[in-house]
């Protein structure tokens, strides 16, 4: 195989894999709180304790994946345009 054809095959595999991931699991863990829903803090003795609720994910610990968000925008645009 030529290098260009191999690169296209790799990109196609990655794209199909990510789109299937977005279809199967549209929500991923929040990057800020790592899926906990709140920040971890330490007290004066160095022990971990629960901090404030995460503002980015509204304390759910989940966020919508970028690919799923783009799909939702495209579907909404198509639905609104064909009414």
N, C-alpha and C. Protein backbone atom coordinates (compact mmCIF):
# COMPACT_ATOMS: atom_id res chain seq x y z
N UNK A 1 0.84 -1.18 0.00
CA UNK A 1 0.00 0.00 0.00
C UNK A 1 0.89 1.24 0.00
N UNK A 2 0.39 2.25 -0.64
CA UNK A 2 1.12 3.51 -0.66
C UNK A 2 0.90 4.24 0.66
N UNK A 3 1.82 5.12 1.03
CA UNK A 3 1.67 5.84 2.30
C UNK A 3 0.41 6.70 2.36
N UNK A 4 0.00 7.28 1.24
CA UNK A 4 -1.20 8.11 1.23
C UNK A 4 -2.44 7.26 1.49
N UNK A 5 -2.49 6.10 0.87
CA UNK A 5 -3.64 5.21 1.06
C UNK A 5 -3.69 4.68 2.49
N UNK A 6 -2.52 4.42 3.04
CA UNK A 6 -2.45 3.96 4.42
C UNK A 6 -2.91 5.05 5.40
N UNK A 7 -2.55 6.29 5.13
CA UNK A 7 -2.97 7.42 5.98
C UNK A 7 -4.47 7.61 5.90
N UNK A 8 -5.03 7.48 4.71
CA UNK A 8 -6.48 7.62 4.55
C UNK A 8 -7.21 6.50 5.29
N UNK A 9 -6.68 5.28 5.22
CA UNK A 9 -7.30 4.16 5.93
C UNK A 9 -7.24 4.37 7.44
N UNK A 10 -6.12 4.89 7.94
CA UNK A 10 -6.00 5.15 9.39
C UNK A 10 -6.98 6.24 9.83
N UNK A 11 -7.08 7.31 9.06
CA UNK A 11 -8.02 8.39 9.40
C UNK A 11 -9.46 7.91 9.36
N UNK A 12 -9.79 7.08 8.39
CA UNK A 12 -11.14 6.53 8.30
C UNK A 12 -11.45 5.64 9.49
N UNK A 13 -10.49 4.83 9.91
CA UNK A 13 -10.68 3.96 11.07
C UNK A 13 -10.88 4.77 12.35
N UNK A 14 -10.06 5.81 12.52
CA UNK A 14 -10.19 6.66 13.71
C UNK A 14 -11.53 7.37 13.71
N UNK A 15 -11.95 7.89 12.56
CA UNK A 15 -13.21 8.61 12.46
C UNK A 15 -14.40 7.70 12.76
N UNK A 16 -14.41 6.52 12.17
CA UNK A 16 -15.50 5.59 12.42
C UNK A 16 -15.51 5.12 13.87
N UNK A 17 -14.34 4.93 14.45
CA UNK A 17 -14.27 4.53 15.86
C UNK A 17 -14.82 5.60 16.79
N UNK A 18 -14.45 6.87 16.53
CA UNK A 18 -14.93 7.96 17.38
C UNK A 18 -16.43 8.18 17.20
N UNK A 19 -16.91 8.06 15.96
CA UNK A 19 -18.35 8.25 15.76
C UNK A 19 -19.15 7.13 16.41
N UNK A 20 -18.64 5.91 16.41
CA UNK A 20 -19.34 4.83 17.11
C UNK A 20 -19.28 5.03 18.62
N UNK A 21 -18.18 5.57 19.13
CA UNK A 21 -18.09 5.88 20.56
C UNK A 21 -19.10 6.95 20.95
N UNK A 22 -19.24 7.98 20.11
CA UNK A 22 -20.21 9.04 20.39
C UNK A 22 -21.64 8.53 20.32
N UNK A 23 -21.89 7.58 19.43
CA UNK A 23 -23.23 7.01 19.32
C UNK A 23 -23.54 6.10 20.51
N UNK A 24 -22.57 5.32 20.94
CA UNK A 24 -22.80 4.38 22.03
C UNK A 24 -22.79 5.07 23.40
N UNK A 25 -21.90 6.03 23.57
CA UNK A 25 -21.77 6.71 24.86
C UNK A 25 -21.61 8.20 24.60
N UNK A 26 -22.72 8.95 24.50
CA UNK A 26 -22.63 10.37 24.14
C UNK A 26 -22.04 11.25 25.24
N UNK A 27 -21.97 10.77 26.46
CA UNK A 27 -21.43 11.57 27.55
C UNK A 27 -20.13 10.95 28.06
N UNK A 28 -19.16 11.81 28.33
CA UNK A 28 -17.88 11.38 28.89
C UNK A 28 -17.69 12.03 30.25
N UNK A 29 -16.64 11.65 30.95
CA UNK A 29 -16.39 12.28 32.25
C UNK A 29 -15.96 13.73 32.10
N UNK A 30 -16.33 14.55 33.04
CA UNK A 30 -15.94 15.96 33.04
C UNK A 30 -14.44 16.06 33.21
N UNK A 31 -13.81 16.94 32.43
CA UNK A 31 -12.35 17.07 32.52
C UNK A 31 -11.91 17.83 33.75
N UNK A 32 -12.75 18.71 34.24
CA UNK A 32 -12.35 19.53 35.37
C UNK A 32 -12.39 18.75 36.69
N UNK A 33 -13.46 18.02 36.91
CA UNK A 33 -13.60 17.28 38.17
C UNK A 33 -13.31 15.79 38.01
N UNK A 34 -12.92 15.37 36.80
CA UNK A 34 -12.59 13.97 36.49
C UNK A 34 -13.75 13.02 36.74
N UNK A 35 -14.98 13.51 36.57
CA UNK A 35 -16.15 12.66 36.70
C UNK A 35 -16.69 12.54 38.11
N UNK A 36 -16.12 13.23 39.08
CA UNK A 36 -16.58 13.15 40.45
C UNK A 36 -17.79 14.04 40.70
N UNK A 37 -17.88 15.19 40.00
CA UNK A 37 -18.97 16.12 40.23
C UNK A 37 -18.61 17.21 41.21
N UNK A 38 -17.43 17.12 41.81
CA UNK A 38 -16.96 18.13 42.75
C UNK A 38 -15.44 18.12 42.76
N UNK A 39 -14.87 19.21 43.21
CA UNK A 39 -13.42 19.32 43.34
C UNK A 39 -12.98 18.67 44.65
N UNK A 40 -11.83 18.06 44.64
CA UNK A 40 -11.25 17.50 45.86
C UNK A 40 -10.34 18.56 46.48
N UNK A 41 -10.47 18.75 47.78
CA UNK A 41 -9.62 19.69 48.50
C UNK A 41 -8.92 18.94 49.62
N UNK A 42 -7.90 19.56 50.16
CA UNK A 42 -7.23 18.97 51.31
C UNK A 42 -7.40 19.89 52.51
N UNK A 43 -7.53 19.27 53.67
CA UNK A 43 -7.60 20.09 54.88
C UNK A 43 -6.18 20.41 55.34
N UNK A 44 -6.06 21.01 56.50
CA UNK A 44 -4.74 21.44 56.98
C UNK A 44 -3.82 20.28 57.30
N UNK A 45 -4.40 19.12 57.55
CA UNK A 45 -3.58 17.93 57.84
C UNK A 45 -3.21 17.16 56.58
N UNK A 46 -3.71 17.62 55.42
CA UNK A 46 -3.38 16.97 54.16
C UNK A 46 -4.33 15.88 53.74
N UNK A 47 -5.42 15.69 54.48
CA UNK A 47 -6.41 14.67 54.12
C UNK A 47 -7.34 15.21 53.06
N UNK A 48 -7.75 14.35 52.17
CA UNK A 48 -8.68 14.76 51.11
C UNK A 48 -10.08 14.92 51.68
N UNK A 49 -10.78 15.92 51.18
CA UNK A 49 -12.19 16.08 51.53
C UNK A 49 -12.91 16.67 50.33
N UNK A 50 -14.22 16.59 50.39
CA UNK A 50 -15.05 17.06 49.29
C UNK A 50 -15.02 18.59 49.25
N UNK A 51 -14.87 19.14 48.04
CA UNK A 51 -14.88 20.58 47.87
C UNK A 51 -16.21 21.04 47.29
N UNK A 52 -16.18 22.14 46.58
CA UNK A 52 -17.39 22.70 46.00
C UNK A 52 -17.83 21.88 44.79
N UNK A 53 -19.13 21.99 44.46
CA UNK A 53 -19.64 21.34 43.27
C UNK A 53 -18.98 21.92 42.03
N UNK A 54 -18.80 21.08 41.02
CA UNK A 54 -18.17 21.50 39.77
C UNK A 54 -19.14 22.39 39.00
N UNK A 55 -18.65 23.54 38.58
CA UNK A 55 -19.52 24.46 37.83
C UNK A 55 -19.60 24.09 36.37
N UNK A 56 -18.59 23.43 35.85
CA UNK A 56 -18.57 23.10 34.42
C UNK A 56 -19.64 22.06 34.08
N UNK A 57 -19.79 21.05 34.92
CA UNK A 57 -20.75 19.97 34.63
C UNK A 57 -21.99 20.05 35.51
N UNK A 58 -22.15 21.10 36.31
CA UNK A 58 -23.27 21.26 37.24
C UNK A 58 -23.40 20.07 38.17
N UNK A 59 -22.26 19.59 38.66
CA UNK A 59 -22.16 18.51 39.66
C UNK A 59 -22.70 17.17 39.17
N UNK A 60 -22.77 16.95 37.86
CA UNK A 60 -23.19 15.65 37.35
C UNK A 60 -22.00 14.75 37.11
N UNK A 61 -20.83 15.33 36.87
CA UNK A 61 -19.64 14.54 36.56
C UNK A 61 -19.58 14.12 35.11
N UNK A 62 -20.54 14.50 34.31
CA UNK A 62 -20.59 14.10 32.90
C UNK A 62 -20.59 15.33 32.01
N UNK A 63 -20.07 15.18 30.80
CA UNK A 63 -20.10 16.24 29.80
C UNK A 63 -20.42 15.59 28.46
N UNK A 64 -20.98 16.36 27.55
CA UNK A 64 -21.30 15.82 26.24
C UNK A 64 -20.04 15.82 25.39
N UNK A 65 -19.83 14.76 24.65
CA UNK A 65 -18.64 14.66 23.80
C UNK A 65 -18.76 15.64 22.63
N UNK A 66 -17.63 16.07 22.10
CA UNK A 66 -17.61 17.07 21.02
C UNK A 66 -18.31 16.53 19.78
N UNK A 67 -18.04 15.28 19.44
CA UNK A 67 -18.67 14.68 18.26
C UNK A 67 -20.18 14.59 18.40
N UNK A 68 -20.66 14.26 19.57
CA UNK A 68 -22.10 14.17 19.79
C UNK A 68 -22.73 15.56 19.75
N UNK A 69 -22.01 16.56 20.30
CA UNK A 69 -22.51 17.94 20.25
C UNK A 69 -22.64 18.41 18.80
N UNK A 70 -21.63 18.11 17.97
CA UNK A 70 -21.70 18.50 16.56
C UNK A 70 -22.84 17.78 15.83
N UNK A 71 -23.05 16.51 16.17
CA UNK A 71 -24.17 15.77 15.58
C UNK A 71 -25.51 16.39 15.99
N UNK A 72 -25.65 16.76 17.27
CA UNK A 72 -26.89 17.37 17.74
C UNK A 72 -27.15 18.70 17.04
N UNK A 73 -26.09 19.50 16.84
CA UNK A 73 -26.24 20.79 16.15
C UNK A 73 -26.67 20.57 14.71
N UNK A 74 -26.04 19.62 14.02
CA UNK A 74 -26.39 19.35 12.63
C UNK A 74 -27.81 18.81 12.51
N UNK A 75 -28.21 17.93 13.41
CA UNK A 75 -29.56 17.37 13.38
C UNK A 75 -30.60 18.45 13.65
N UNK A 76 -30.31 19.35 14.60
CA UNK A 76 -31.23 20.45 14.91
C UNK A 76 -31.35 21.40 13.72
N UNK A 77 -30.22 21.69 13.08
CA UNK A 77 -30.23 22.57 11.91
C UNK A 77 -31.03 21.96 10.77
N UNK A 78 -30.86 20.66 10.54
CA UNK A 78 -31.60 19.98 9.48
C UNK A 78 -33.09 19.94 9.81
N UNK A 79 -33.42 19.64 11.06
CA UNK A 79 -34.82 19.56 11.47
C UNK A 79 -35.50 20.92 11.34
N UNK A 80 -34.82 22.00 11.76
CA UNK A 80 -35.42 23.32 11.67
C UNK A 80 -35.51 23.82 10.24
N UNK A 81 -34.58 23.37 9.40
CA UNK A 81 -34.57 23.82 8.00
C UNK A 81 -35.59 23.11 7.13
N UNK A 82 -36.07 21.96 7.55
CA UNK A 82 -37.01 21.19 6.72
C UNK A 82 -38.44 21.30 7.22
N UNK A 83 -38.69 22.20 8.12
CA UNK A 83 -40.07 22.34 8.61
C UNK A 83 -40.88 23.17 7.66
